[in-house]
C-alpha atoms as a PDB file:
ATOM      1  CA  MET A   1       0.000   0.000   0.000  1.00  0.00           C
ATOM      2  CA  ILE A   2       1.018   3.595  -0.632  1.00  0.00           C
ATOM      3  CA  GLN A   3      -0.305   6.106   1.869  1.00  0.00           C
ATOM      4  CA  LEU A   4       0.225   9.871   2.026  1.00  0.00           C
ATOM      5  CA  ARG A   5      -1.124  11.862   4.938  1.00  0.00           C
ATOM      6  CA  ASN A   6      -1.312  15.674   4.867  1.00  0.00           C
ATOM      7  CA  VAL A   7       1.678  15.941   2.534  1.00  0.00           C
ATOM      8  CA  LYS A   8       2.865  19.451   1.796  1.00  0.00           C
ATOM      9  CA  HIS A   9       5.761  20.540  -0.365  1.00  0.00           C
ATOM     10  CA  GLY A  10       6.894  23.970  -1.467  1.00  0.00           C
ATOM     11  CA  ARG A  11       8.722  27.104  -0.491  1.00  0.00           C
ATOM     12  CA  ILE A  12       7.747  28.921   2.690  1.00  0.00           C
ATOM     13  CA  GLY A  13       5.693  32.021   2.028  1.00  0.00           C
ATOM     14  CA  VAL A  14       4.223  30.943  -1.297  1.00  0.00           C
ATOM     15  CA  ARG A  15       1.372  28.624  -2.222  1.00  0.00           C
ATOM     16  CA  PRO A  16       2.692  25.082  -1.721  1.00  0.00           C
ATOM     17  CA  MET A  17       3.234  22.982  -4.828  1.00  0.00           C
ATOM     18  CA  LEU A  18       1.600  20.067  -3.000  1.00  0.00           C
ATOM     19  CA  ASP A  19      -0.995  21.221  -0.499  1.00  0.00           C
ATOM     20  CA  SER A  20      -2.201  18.875   2.276  1.00  0.00           C
ATOM     21  CA  ILE A  21      -2.448  15.802   0.045  1.00  0.00           C
ATOM     22  CA  SER A  22      -3.832  12.628   1.585  1.00  0.00           C
ATOM     23  CA  LEU A  23      -3.954   9.520  -0.574  1.00  0.00           C
ATOM     24  CA  GLN A  24      -4.298   5.786  -0.051  1.00  0.00           C
ATOM     25  CA  VAL A  25      -3.463   3.389  -2.898  1.00  0.00           C
ATOM     26  CA  PRO A  26      -4.225  -0.259  -2.059  1.00  0.00           C
ATOM     27  CA  ALA A  27      -2.253  -3.141  -3.574  1.00  0.00           C
ATOM     28  CA  GLY A  28      -3.140  -3.884  -7.167  1.00  0.00           C
ATOM     29  CA  THR A  29      -4.675  -0.459  -7.844  1.00  0.00           C
ATOM     30  CA  ARG A  30      -4.057   1.134 -11.249  1.00  0.00           C
ATOM     31  CA  LEU A  31      -4.256   4.865 -10.495  1.00  0.00           C
ATOM     32  CA  GLY A  32      -3.842   7.630 -13.065  1.00  0.00           C
ATOM     33  CA  ILE A  33      -3.094  11.187 -11.943  1.00  0.00           C
ATOM     34  CA  LEU A  34      -3.712  13.861 -14.557  1.00  0.00           C
ATOM     35  CA  ALA A  35      -1.157  16.631 -14.064  1.00  0.00           C
ATOM     36  CA  THR A  36       0.797  19.144 -16.108  1.00  0.00           C
ATOM     37  CA  PRO A  37       4.509  20.040 -15.992  1.00  0.00           C
ATOM     38  CA  GLY A  38       5.208  22.564 -13.252  1.00  0.00           C
ATOM     39  CA  SER A  39       2.240  21.439 -11.167  1.00  0.00           C
ATOM     40  CA  GLY A  40       4.262  19.296  -8.770  1.00  0.00           C
ATOM     41  CA  LYS A  41       3.816  16.165 -10.883  1.00  0.00           C
ATOM     42  CA  SER A  42       7.428  14.980 -10.797  1.00  0.00           C
ATOM     43  CA  THR A  43       7.837  15.956  -7.148  1.00  0.00           C
ATOM     44  CA  LEU A  44       4.782  13.858  -6.301  1.00  0.00           C
ATOM     45  CA  ALA A  45       6.176  10.960  -8.364  1.00  0.00           C
ATOM     46  CA  ARG A  46       9.447  11.084  -6.405  1.00  0.00           C
ATOM     47  CA  ILE A  47       7.581  11.221  -3.094  1.00  0.00           C
ATOM     48  CA  LEU A  48       5.442   8.245  -4.113  1.00  0.00           C
ATOM     49  CA  SER A  49       8.630   6.381  -5.034  1.00  0.00           C
ATOM     50  CA  GLY A  50      10.278   7.152  -1.719  1.00  0.00           C
ATOM     51  CA  LEU A  51      13.057   9.044  -3.486  1.00  0.00           C
ATOM     52  CA  GLN A  52      12.129  12.381  -1.911  1.00  0.00           C
ATOM     53  CA  GLN A  53      10.617  13.383   1.398  1.00  0.00           C
ATOM     54  CA  PRO A  54       7.899  16.036   1.585  1.00  0.00           C
ATOM     55  CA  ASP A  55       8.413  19.227   3.570  1.00  0.00           C
ATOM     56  CA  GLN A  56       5.509  18.210   5.807  1.00  0.00           C
ATOM     57  CA  GLY A  57       3.304  15.167   6.267  1.00  0.00           C
ATOM     58  CA  ASP A  58       3.762  11.416   6.405  1.00  0.00           C
ATOM     59  CA  VAL A  59       4.517   8.870   3.694  1.00  0.00           C
ATOM     60  CA  HIS A  60       4.064   5.137   4.303  1.00  0.00           C
ATOM     61  CA  LEU A  61       5.131   2.639   1.643  1.00  0.00           C
ATOM     62  CA  THR A  62       4.323  -1.031   2.145  1.00  0.00           C
ATOM     63  CA  GLY A  63       6.266  -3.359  -0.145  1.00  0.00           C
ATOM     64  CA  ASP A  64       8.696  -2.492  -2.932  1.00  0.00           C
ATOM     65  CA  VAL A  65       7.906   0.676  -4.886  1.00  0.00           C
ATOM     66  CA  SER A  66       9.797   1.377  -8.103  1.00  0.00           C
ATOM     67  CA  TRP A  67      11.568   4.545  -9.069  1.00  0.00           C
ATOM     68  CA  PRO A  68       9.790   6.334 -11.978  1.00  0.00           C
ATOM     69  CA  ILE A  69      10.143   3.711 -14.699  1.00  0.00           C
ATOM     70  CA  GLY A  70      10.914   6.078 -17.568  1.00  0.00           C
ATOM     71  CA  PHE A  71      13.764   7.760 -15.686  1.00  0.00           C
ATOM     72  CA  ALA A  72      17.345   6.947 -16.709  1.00  0.00           C
ATOM     73  CA  GLY A  73      19.183   9.627 -14.742  1.00  0.00           C
ATOM     74  CA  PHE A  74      20.458   7.060 -12.228  1.00  0.00           C
ATOM     75  CA  LEU A  75      22.712   5.507 -14.918  1.00  0.00           C
ATOM     76  CA  HIS A  76      26.167   6.925 -14.273  1.00  0.00           C
ATOM     77  CA  PRO A  77      27.736   8.030 -17.581  1.00  0.00           C
ATOM     78  CA  HIS A  78      31.271   7.124 -16.473  1.00  0.00           C
ATOM     79  CA  LEU A  79      30.371   3.545 -15.577  1.00  0.00           C
ATOM     80  CA  SER A  80      29.863   0.767 -18.082  1.00  0.00           C
ATOM     81  CA  ILE A  81      26.450  -0.730 -18.720  1.00  0.00           C
ATOM     82  CA  GLU A  82      27.476  -3.788 -16.713  1.00  0.00           C
ATOM     83  CA  GLN A  83      28.771  -1.728 -13.789  1.00  0.00           C
ATOM     84  CA  ASN A  84      25.564   0.309 -13.623  1.00  0.00           C
ATOM     85  CA  ILE A  85      23.405  -2.809 -13.667  1.00  0.00           C
ATOM     86  CA  ASN A  86      25.609  -4.493 -11.060  1.00  0.00           C
ATOM     87  CA  VAL A  87      25.029  -1.568  -8.679  1.00  0.00           C
ATOM     88  CA  LEU A  88      21.269  -1.971  -9.061  1.00  0.00           C
ATOM     89  CA  ALA A  89      21.551  -5.744  -8.706  1.00  0.00           C
ATOM     90  CA  ARG A  90      23.300  -5.354  -5.353  1.00  0.00           C
ATOM     91  CA  LEU A  91      20.668  -2.868  -4.173  1.00  0.00           C
ATOM     92  CA  LYS A  92      17.850  -5.251  -5.111  1.00  0.00           C
ATOM     93  CA  SER A  93      19.680  -8.472  -4.136  1.00  0.00           C
ATOM     94  CA  VAL A  94      19.288 -10.114  -7.553  1.00  0.00           C
ATOM     95  CA  GLY A  95      21.798 -12.028  -9.668  1.00  0.00           C
ATOM     96  CA  PRO A  96      23.777  -9.464 -11.684  1.00  0.00           C
ATOM     97  CA  ALA A  97      24.489 -11.636 -14.746  1.00  0.00           C
ATOM     98  CA  ARG A  98      20.858 -12.647 -15.219  1.00  0.00           C
ATOM     99  CA  TYR A  99      19.617  -9.136 -14.509  1.00  0.00           C
ATOM    100  CA  LEU A 100      22.028  -7.674 -17.097  1.00  0.00           C
ATOM    101  CA  ALA A 101      20.904 -10.188 -19.704  1.00  0.00           C
ATOM    102  CA  GLN A 102      17.234  -9.431 -18.995  1.00  0.00           C
ATOM    103  CA  CYS A 103      17.804  -5.676 -19.318  1.00  0.00           C
ATOM    104  CA  LEU A 104      19.660  -5.927 -22.625  1.00  0.00           C
ATOM    105  CA  THR A 105      17.112  -8.372 -24.023  1.00  0.00           C
ATOM    106  CA  PHE A 106      14.096  -6.307 -23.041  1.00  0.00           C
ATOM    107  CA  ALA A 107      15.659  -3.093 -24.357  1.00  0.00           C
ATOM    108  CA  ASP A 108      16.841  -4.869 -27.515  1.00  0.00           C
ATOM    109  CA  ILE A 109      20.270  -3.255 -27.150  1.00  0.00           C
ATOM    110  CA  HIS A 110      22.995  -5.123 -29.024  1.00  0.00           C
ATOM    111  CA  VAL A 111      26.205  -3.713 -27.550  1.00  0.00           C
ATOM    112  CA  ALA A 112      29.036  -5.039 -25.393  1.00  0.00           C
ATOM    113  CA  PRO A 113      28.225  -4.868 -21.650  1.00  0.00           C
ATOM    114  CA  ASP A 114      31.540  -3.090 -21.019  1.00  0.00           C
ATOM    115  CA  LEU A 115      30.482  -0.151 -23.218  1.00  0.00           C
ATOM    116  CA  MET A 116      30.492   3.085 -21.235  1.00  0.00           C
ATOM    117  CA  THR A 117      26.980   4.320 -20.623  1.00  0.00           C
ATOM    118  CA  ARG A 118      27.886   7.757 -21.964  1.00  0.00           C
ATOM    119  CA  ASP A 119      28.484   6.143 -25.364  1.00  0.00           C
ATOM    120  CA  LEU A 120      24.900   4.935 -25.667  1.00  0.00           C
ATOM    121  CA  THR A 121      22.514   7.014 -27.736  1.00  0.00           C
ATOM    122  CA  PRO A 122      19.846   8.935 -25.795  1.00  0.00           C
ATOM    123  CA  THR A 123      17.265   6.414 -26.988  1.00  0.00           C
ATOM    124  CA  GLN A 124      19.410   3.491 -25.835  1.00  0.00           C
ATOM    125  CA  ARG A 125      19.907   5.094 -22.410  1.00  0.00           C
ATOM    126  CA  ALA A 126      16.157   5.601 -22.071  1.00  0.00           C
ATOM    127  CA  LEU A 127      15.525   1.990 -23.076  1.00  0.00           C
ATOM    128  CA  LEU A 128      18.128   0.677 -20.642  1.00  0.00           C
ATOM    129  CA  GLY A 129      16.714   2.772 -17.805  1.00  0.00           C
ATOM    130  CA  TYR A 130      13.206   1.536 -18.553  1.00  0.00           C
ATOM    131  CA  ALA A 131      14.333  -2.081 -18.790  1.00  0.00           C
ATOM    132  CA  ALA A 132      16.305  -1.788 -15.539  1.00  0.00           C
ATOM    133  CA  ALA A 133      13.062  -0.892 -13.769  1.00  0.00           C
ATOM    134  CA  VAL A 134      10.518  -3.197 -15.368  1.00  0.00           C
ATOM    135  CA  THR A 135      12.595  -6.383 -15.304  1.00  0.00           C
ATOM    136  CA  LEU A 136      12.636  -6.243 -11.485  1.00  0.00           C
ATOM    137  CA  ARG A 137       9.767  -7.412  -9.280  1.00  0.00           C
ATOM    138  CA  TRP A 138       7.825  -4.573  -7.654  1.00  0.00           C
ATOM    139  CA  ASP A 139       4.657  -4.270  -5.616  1.00  0.00           C
ATOM    140  CA  PHE A 140       4.033  -0.849  -7.170  1.00  0.00           C
ATOM    141  CA  LEU A 141       5.259   0.731 -10.382  1.00  0.00           C
ATOM    142  CA  ILE A 142       5.495   4.518 -10.592  1.00  0.00           C
ATOM    143  CA  ALA A 143       5.492   6.238 -13.992  1.00  0.00           C
ATOM    144  CA  ASP A 144       6.073   9.965 -14.473  1.00  0.00           C
ATOM    145  CA  GLU A 145       4.843  10.884 -17.976  1.00  0.00           C
ATOM    146  CA  VAL A 146       6.888   8.131 -19.646  1.00  0.00           C
ATOM    147  CA  ILE A 147       5.211   4.728 -19.512  1.00  0.00           C
ATOM    148  CA  THR A 148       6.410   3.211 -22.809  1.00  0.00           C
ATOM    149  CA  VAL A 149       9.640   3.887 -24.718  1.00  0.00           C
ATOM    150  CA  GLY A 150      11.340   3.149 -28.014  1.00  0.00           C
ATOM    151  CA  ASN A 151      10.118   2.441 -31.509  1.00  0.00           C
ATOM    152  CA  PRO A 152       6.622   1.021 -32.192  1.00  0.00           C
ATOM    153  CA  GLU A 153       7.858  -2.553 -31.765  1.00  0.00           C
ATOM    154  CA  LEU A 154       9.399  -1.803 -28.374  1.00  0.00           C
ATOM    155  CA  ARG A 155       6.373   0.215 -27.303  1.00  0.00           C
ATOM    156  CA  ALA A 156       4.255  -2.819 -28.113  1.00  0.00           C
ATOM    157  CA  LYS A 157       6.564  -4.859 -25.863  1.00  0.00           C
ATOM    158  CA  CYS A 158       6.065  -2.283 -23.099  1.00  0.00           C
ATOM    159  CA  ASP A 159       2.291  -2.482 -23.586  1.00  0.00           C
ATOM    160  CA  ALA A 160       2.414  -6.275 -23.375  1.00  0.00           C
ATOM    161  CA  PHE A 161       4.432  -6.026 -20.160  1.00  0.00           C
ATOM    162  CA  LEU A 162       1.960  -3.580 -18.592  1.00  0.00           C
ATOM    163  CA  ASP A 163      -1.050  -5.596 -19.731  1.00  0.00           C
ATOM    164  CA  GLY A 164       0.506  -8.720 -18.220  1.00  0.00           C
ATOM    165  CA  LEU A 165       1.185  -7.289 -14.771  1.00  0.00           C
ATOM    166  CA  PRO A 166      -0.040  -9.591 -11.993  1.00  0.00           C
ATOM    167  CA  SER A 167      -3.276  -8.402 -10.420  1.00  0.00           C
ATOM    168  CA  ASP A 168      -1.553  -7.654  -7.115  1.00  0.00           C
ATOM    169  CA  VAL A 169       0.972  -5.257  -8.688  1.00  0.00           C
ATOM    170  CA  GLY A 170      -0.145  -1.634  -8.485  1.00  0.00           C
ATOM    171  CA  LEU A 171       0.568   1.226 -10.883  1.00  0.00           C
ATOM    172  CA  VAL A 172       0.532   4.976 -10.299  1.00  0.00           C
ATOM    173  CA  PHE A 173       0.863   6.873 -13.575  1.00  0.00           C
ATOM    174  CA  LEU A 174       1.230  10.668 -13.569  1.00  0.00           C
ATOM    175  CA  SER A 175       0.720  12.258 -16.978  1.00  0.00           C
ATOM    176  CA  ARG A 176      -0.738  15.179 -18.888  1.00  0.00           C
ATOM    177  CA  ASN A 177      -2.145  12.726 -21.457  1.00  0.00           C
ATOM    178  CA  PRO A 178      -5.782  11.747 -20.763  1.00  0.00           C
ATOM    179  CA  ALA A 179      -5.791   9.035 -23.452  1.00  0.00           C
ATOM    180  CA  GLN A 180      -2.783   7.272 -21.946  1.00  0.00           C
ATOM    181  CA  ILE A 181      -4.202   7.492 -18.430  1.00  0.00           C
ATOM    182  CA  GLN A 182      -7.456   5.999 -19.724  1.00  0.00           C
ATOM    183  CA  ARG A 183      -5.468   3.246 -21.446  1.00  0.00           C
ATOM    184  CA  TYR A 184      -3.494   2.083 -18.435  1.00  0.00           C
ATOM    185  CA  CYS A 185      -5.503   3.078 -15.345  1.00  0.00           C
ATOM    186  CA  ASP A 186      -8.857   2.251 -13.787  1.00  0.00           C
ATOM    187  CA  HIS A 187      -9.016   5.053 -11.204  1.00  0.00           C
ATOM    188  CA  HIS A 188      -8.374   8.719 -11.989  1.00  0.00           C
ATOM    189  CA  LEU A 189      -7.439  11.854 -10.060  1.00  0.00           C
ATOM    190  CA  VAL A 190      -6.327  15.314 -11.150  1.00  0.00           C
ATOM    191  CA  LEU A 191      -3.560  17.351  -9.494  1.00  0.00           C
ATOM    192  CA  LEU A 192      -5.054  20.842  -9.528  1.00  0.00           C
ATOM    193  CA  ASN A 193      -3.724  23.823  -7.563  1.00  0.00           C
ATOM    194  CA  GLY A 194      -1.681  21.559  -5.334  1.00  0.00           C
ATOM    195  CA  LYS A 195      -4.511  19.216  -4.410  1.00  0.00           C
ATOM    196  CA  LEU A 196      -5.630  15.806  -5.655  1.00  0.00           C
ATOM    197  CA  ARG A 197      -9.269  15.740  -6.731  1.00  0.00           C
ATOM    198  CA  PRO A 198     -11.495  12.975  -8.168  1.00  0.00           C
ATOM    199  CA  CYS A 199     -11.589  13.105 -11.956  1.00  0.00           C
ATOM    200  CA  PRO A 200     -14.394  11.015 -13.506  1.00  0.00           C
ATOM    201  CA  ASP A 201     -14.039  12.934 -16.797  1.00  0.00           C
ATOM    202  CA  LEU A 202     -10.390  13.182 -17.870  1.00  0.00           C
ATOM    203  CA  GLN A 203     -11.035  15.688 -20.664  1.00  0.00           C
ATOM    204  CA  ALA A 204     -12.863  17.953 -18.233  1.00  0.00           C
ATOM    205  CA  GLY A 205      -9.917  17.561 -15.871  1.00  0.00           C
ATOM    206  CA  LEU A 206      -7.499  18.608 -18.620  1.00  0.00           C
ATOM    207  CA  ASP A 207      -9.691  21.620 -19.445  1.00  0.00           C
ATOM    208  CA  ALA A 208      -9.626  22.619 -15.772  1.00  0.00           C
ATOM    209  CA  LEU A 209      -5.828  22.329 -15.678  1.00  0.00           C
ATOM    210  CA  THR A 210      -5.477  24.415 -18.833  1.00  0.00           C
ATOM    211  CA  LEU A 211      -7.801  27.112 -17.483  1.00  0.00           C
ATOM    212  CA  SER A 212      -5.951  27.178 -14.162  1.00  0.00           C
ATOM    213  CA  GLN A 213      -2.626  27.670 -15.958  1.00  0.00           C
ATOM    214  CA  GLU A 214      -4.071  30.448 -18.119  1.00  0.00           C
ATOM    215  CA  LEU A 215      -5.489  32.259 -15.092  1.00  0.00           C
ATOM    216  CA  GLU A 216      -2.196  31.924 -13.245  1.00  0.00           C
ATOM    217  CA  GLY A 217      -0.387  33.313 -16.288  1.00  0.00           C
ATOM    218  CA  LEU A 218      -2.705  36.330 -16.341  1.00  0.00           C
ATOM    219  CA  ALA A 219      -2.100  36.902 -12.636  1.00  0.00           C
ATOM    220  CA  TYR A 220       1.634  37.212 -13.260  1.00  0.00           C
ATOM    221  CA  ALA A 221       1.349  39.161 -16.534  1.00  0.00           C
END
């Protein structure tokens, strides 16, 4: 389970980016959060992942929660592919050789494992970062905007992976894309003015976000 209680985050003296958010996500839930860049979306994703602590409030994570699965920034450019994967393998207590093979196979990257990560193309780095997350066993997957990567063939592989998730594995997907949220999630919220609100109509939620941004822009004009 993921549970947030009265979570606040933001600079003192200004409206908090995340404002008294309380949220409970039971095991196996597929939750989509409609949110735009600059709204606190990525901050909330990091808090849900346990990578960042809020300024106020409590976060309780039961089970293993992934880092945002489309994020590849943890891959150190001055380490080889194999060295990067070995670090993750030690952190997750999995066999490094098998884990490396699974990552390269899923990402469909045909390079030597001792290749320096900085020498991968941006697309290859994104694929490796995605594969490093999804080939591990998690109780919850967190996705911040990016939920599939690569060419159409690889995106189809990502879709097949997500469609085949065991029923007890949860997903929290934060995105500005209503169609993608509808595709992957059964329950929907919108992050609007720092608060999470029910969102039965995703297009209406997007319209509300757009209007809020326009009004905020006028206030600072």
